[in-house]
Amino acid sequence: MLDIFTHLADWAILQMGLTKETHLGSAVHFFIEDSTKIFVLLYLLIFIISLFRSQLSPERVRDYLSAKSRWSGYFLAVFLGVVTPFCSCSSIPLFMGFLAAGVPFGTALVAFMSIATISLPEMMMLKKVFSLKLLMIFIGYLLVAFIATGYLLNLL
C-alpha cells in the first residue's frame, strides 16, 4: 500500500520534469510522498476518532469515571489516557471537555497528564532505548505521581 505514495510522487516529479537524481527532484519527491502519507493518515484518524466520538458522549465518560470509587476512577483515567491516540496538544480540549461534562477535577487531571505523557507509541520508542524493567519502573513512577497529584488536587 505504501508503494502508492511512492508511485504518486514519481509521477508528480515526472510531470514537473524533475528526476530523483537531482537535489531538487529528490526534495520534491520526498515532500510529495510524505505529505500524501501524512494527509491520508490524518484523514483516516480523524474519521475514526469522529466515529468514536459519535458513539461516546461526554456524559457516558463522566458516568464511567465518576460512578466508580475515586481510586478506580484514577486508574481508569490513566488507562484512558494511555490508550487515547491523541497528542499533548489535543489533550487540553479533552481535559476541558471532561471538566465541562462534570468529571471530577482530580480524575480529569490524571487523564490529562497521562494523555500528555504516557502513550503507546512513546512507550514503544522508549522500549527500544531502555530495558523492559526500566520502562516498567518509569511507568510505575508516573502512575504513582499522576494519581497522587490528582488526589491531592481533588482535596484542594
Protein backbone atom coordinates (compact mmCIF):
# COMPACT_ATOMS: atom_id res chain seq x y z
CA MET A 1 0.00 0.00 0.00
CA LEU A 2 2.84 2.42 0.73
CA ASP A 3 4.04 1.95 -2.85
CA ILE A 4 1.06 4.03 -3.96
CA PHE A 5 2.59 7.12 -2.38
CA THR A 6 5.97 6.44 -3.99
CA HIS A 7 4.37 5.95 -7.40
CA LEU A 8 2.34 9.14 -6.96
CA ALA A 9 5.48 11.09 -6.10
CA ASP A 10 7.34 9.50 -9.04
CA TRP A 11 4.54 10.51 -11.39
CA ALA A 12 4.34 14.06 -9.95
CA ILE A 13 8.04 14.82 -10.33
CA LEU A 14 7.99 13.31 -13.82
CA GLN A 15 5.19 15.74 -14.73
CA MET A 16 7.33 18.60 -13.41
CA GLY A 17 10.29 17.50 -15.49
CA LEU A 18 12.39 16.55 -12.47
CA THR A 19 14.28 13.39 -11.60
CA LYS A 20 15.09 11.86 -8.23
CA GLU A 21 18.79 12.06 -9.04
CA THR A 22 18.85 15.86 -8.57
CA HIS A 23 18.67 17.55 -5.19
CA LEU A 24 15.54 19.49 -6.15
CA GLY A 25 13.84 16.42 -7.59
CA SER A 26 14.71 14.34 -4.55
CA ALA A 27 13.39 17.03 -2.20
CA VAL A 28 10.14 17.46 -4.15
CA HIS A 29 9.70 13.68 -4.32
CA PHE A 30 10.21 13.39 -0.56
CA PHE A 31 7.78 16.24 0.10
CA ILE A 32 5.03 14.82 -2.10
CA GLU A 33 5.45 11.25 -0.85
CA ASP A 34 5.46 12.13 2.84
CA SER A 35 2.81 14.85 2.59
CA THR A 36 0.35 12.47 0.98
CA LYS A 37 1.11 9.79 3.58
CA ILE A 38 0.51 12.26 6.40
CA PHE A 39 -2.66 13.61 4.79
CA VAL A 40 -4.15 10.13 4.36
CA LEU A 41 -3.12 9.13 7.89
CA LEU A 42 -4.67 12.26 9.39
CA TYR A 43 -7.82 11.82 7.32
CA LEU A 44 -8.25 8.22 8.48
CA LEU A 45 -7.50 9.06 12.11
CA ILE A 46 -9.91 11.99 12.13
CA PHE A 47 -12.58 9.79 10.57
CA ILE A 48 -12.05 7.01 13.13
CA ILE A 49 -11.96 9.47 16.03
CA SER A 50 -15.15 11.11 14.77
CA LEU A 51 -16.86 7.72 14.69
CA PHE A 52 -15.58 7.05 18.20
CA ARG A 53 -16.77 10.43 19.48
CA SER A 54 -20.22 9.99 17.94
CA GLN A 55 -20.67 6.78 19.92
CA LEU A 56 -19.15 8.03 23.18
CA SER A 57 -20.77 11.06 24.78
CA PRO A 58 -19.05 13.13 27.49
CA GLU A 59 -21.84 12.17 29.89
CA ARG A 60 -21.12 8.50 29.32
CA VAL A 61 -17.42 9.06 30.06
CA ARG A 62 -18.33 11.08 33.15
CA ASP A 63 -20.62 8.32 34.41
CA TYR A 64 -17.97 5.74 33.73
CA LEU A 65 -15.21 7.66 35.51
CA SER A 66 -17.35 9.07 38.34
CA ALA A 67 -19.57 6.11 39.20
CA LYS A 68 -16.63 4.09 40.41
CA SER A 69 -14.73 4.76 43.60
CA ARG A 70 -12.32 7.67 43.49
CA TRP A 71 -9.28 5.37 43.24
CA SER A 72 -10.69 3.22 40.49
CA GLY A 73 -11.63 6.44 38.67
CA TYR A 74 -7.98 7.49 38.79
CA PHE A 75 -6.79 4.17 37.39
CA LEU A 76 -9.45 4.23 34.68
CA ALA A 77 -8.42 7.78 33.79
CA VAL A 78 -4.79 6.69 33.46
CA PHE A 79 -5.82 3.76 31.27
CA LEU A 80 -7.98 6.06 29.15
CA GLY A 81 -5.06 8.44 28.80
CA VAL A 82 -2.66 5.69 27.75
CA VAL A 83 -4.90 4.21 25.05
CA THR A 84 -6.16 7.54 23.72
CA PRO A 85 -4.42 8.23 20.41
CA PHE A 86 -4.09 11.96 20.96
CA CYS A 87 -1.02 14.12 21.22
CA SER A 88 -0.47 16.56 24.04
CA CYS A 89 -1.88 19.48 22.02
CA SER A 90 -5.29 17.81 21.79
CA SER A 91 -5.34 16.76 25.44
CA ILE A 92 -6.23 20.29 26.60
CA PRO A 93 -9.60 20.37 24.80
CA LEU A 94 -10.25 16.83 26.01
CA PHE A 95 -9.42 17.90 29.59
CA MET A 96 -11.76 20.88 29.27
CA GLY A 97 -14.46 18.59 27.87
CA PHE A 98 -14.09 16.26 30.85
CA LEU A 99 -14.48 19.22 33.23
CA ALA A 100 -17.49 20.54 31.29
CA ALA A 101 -19.08 17.08 31.44
CA GLY A 102 -18.69 17.01 35.23
CA VAL A 103 -15.80 14.57 35.61
CA PRO A 104 -14.13 15.27 38.99
CA PHE A 105 -11.14 17.61 38.68
CA GLY A 106 -8.57 15.13 40.01
CA THR A 107 -9.76 12.37 37.69
CA ALA A 108 -9.75 14.70 34.67
CA LEU A 109 -6.27 15.91 35.63
CA VAL A 110 -4.96 12.34 35.87
CA ALA A 111 -6.32 11.62 32.38
CA PHE A 112 -4.81 14.87 31.08
CA MET A 113 -1.36 14.10 32.48
CA SER A 114 -1.36 10.53 31.22
CA ILE A 115 -2.50 11.55 27.71
CA ALA A 116 0.32 14.06 27.50
CA THR A 117 2.99 11.79 28.99
CA ILE A 118 2.27 8.10 28.53
CA SER A 119 1.20 6.97 25.08
CA LEU A 120 1.62 3.64 23.38
CA PRO A 121 3.88 5.00 20.59
CA GLU A 122 6.11 6.71 23.16
CA MET A 123 6.33 3.54 25.21
CA MET A 124 7.26 1.52 22.12
CA MET A 125 10.04 4.00 21.33
CA LEU A 126 11.30 4.01 24.92
CA LYS A 127 11.29 0.20 24.90
CA LYS A 128 13.83 0.30 22.09
CA VAL A 129 16.10 2.57 24.14
CA PHE A 130 15.65 1.18 27.65
CA SER A 131 15.14 -2.30 29.06
CA LEU A 132 11.62 -3.52 29.80
CA LYS A 133 12.35 -3.43 33.54
CA LEU A 134 13.44 0.21 33.43
CA LEU A 135 10.44 1.11 31.28
CA MET A 136 8.06 -0.52 33.78
CA ILE A 137 9.71 1.34 36.68
CA PHE A 138 9.32 4.60 34.73
CA ILE A 139 5.63 3.92 34.05
CA GLY A 140 5.08 2.91 37.69
CA TYR A 141 6.58 6.15 38.98
CA LEU A 142 4.48 8.16 36.53
CA LEU A 143 1.30 6.37 37.60
CA VAL A 144 2.01 7.00 41.28
CA ALA A 145 2.84 10.65 40.59
CA PHE A 146 -0.29 11.20 38.47
CA ILE A 147 -2.65 9.56 40.93
CA ALA A 148 -1.08 11.33 43.92
CA THR A 149 -1.33 14.67 42.11
CA GLY A 150 -4.95 14.07 41.17
CA TYR A 151 -5.82 13.02 44.71
CA LEU A 152 -4.08 16.00 46.31
CA LEU A 153 -5.62 18.49 43.90
CA ASN A 154 -9.04 16.94 44.44
CA LEU A 155 -8.62 17.64 48.15
CA LEU A 156 -7.98 21.31 47.42
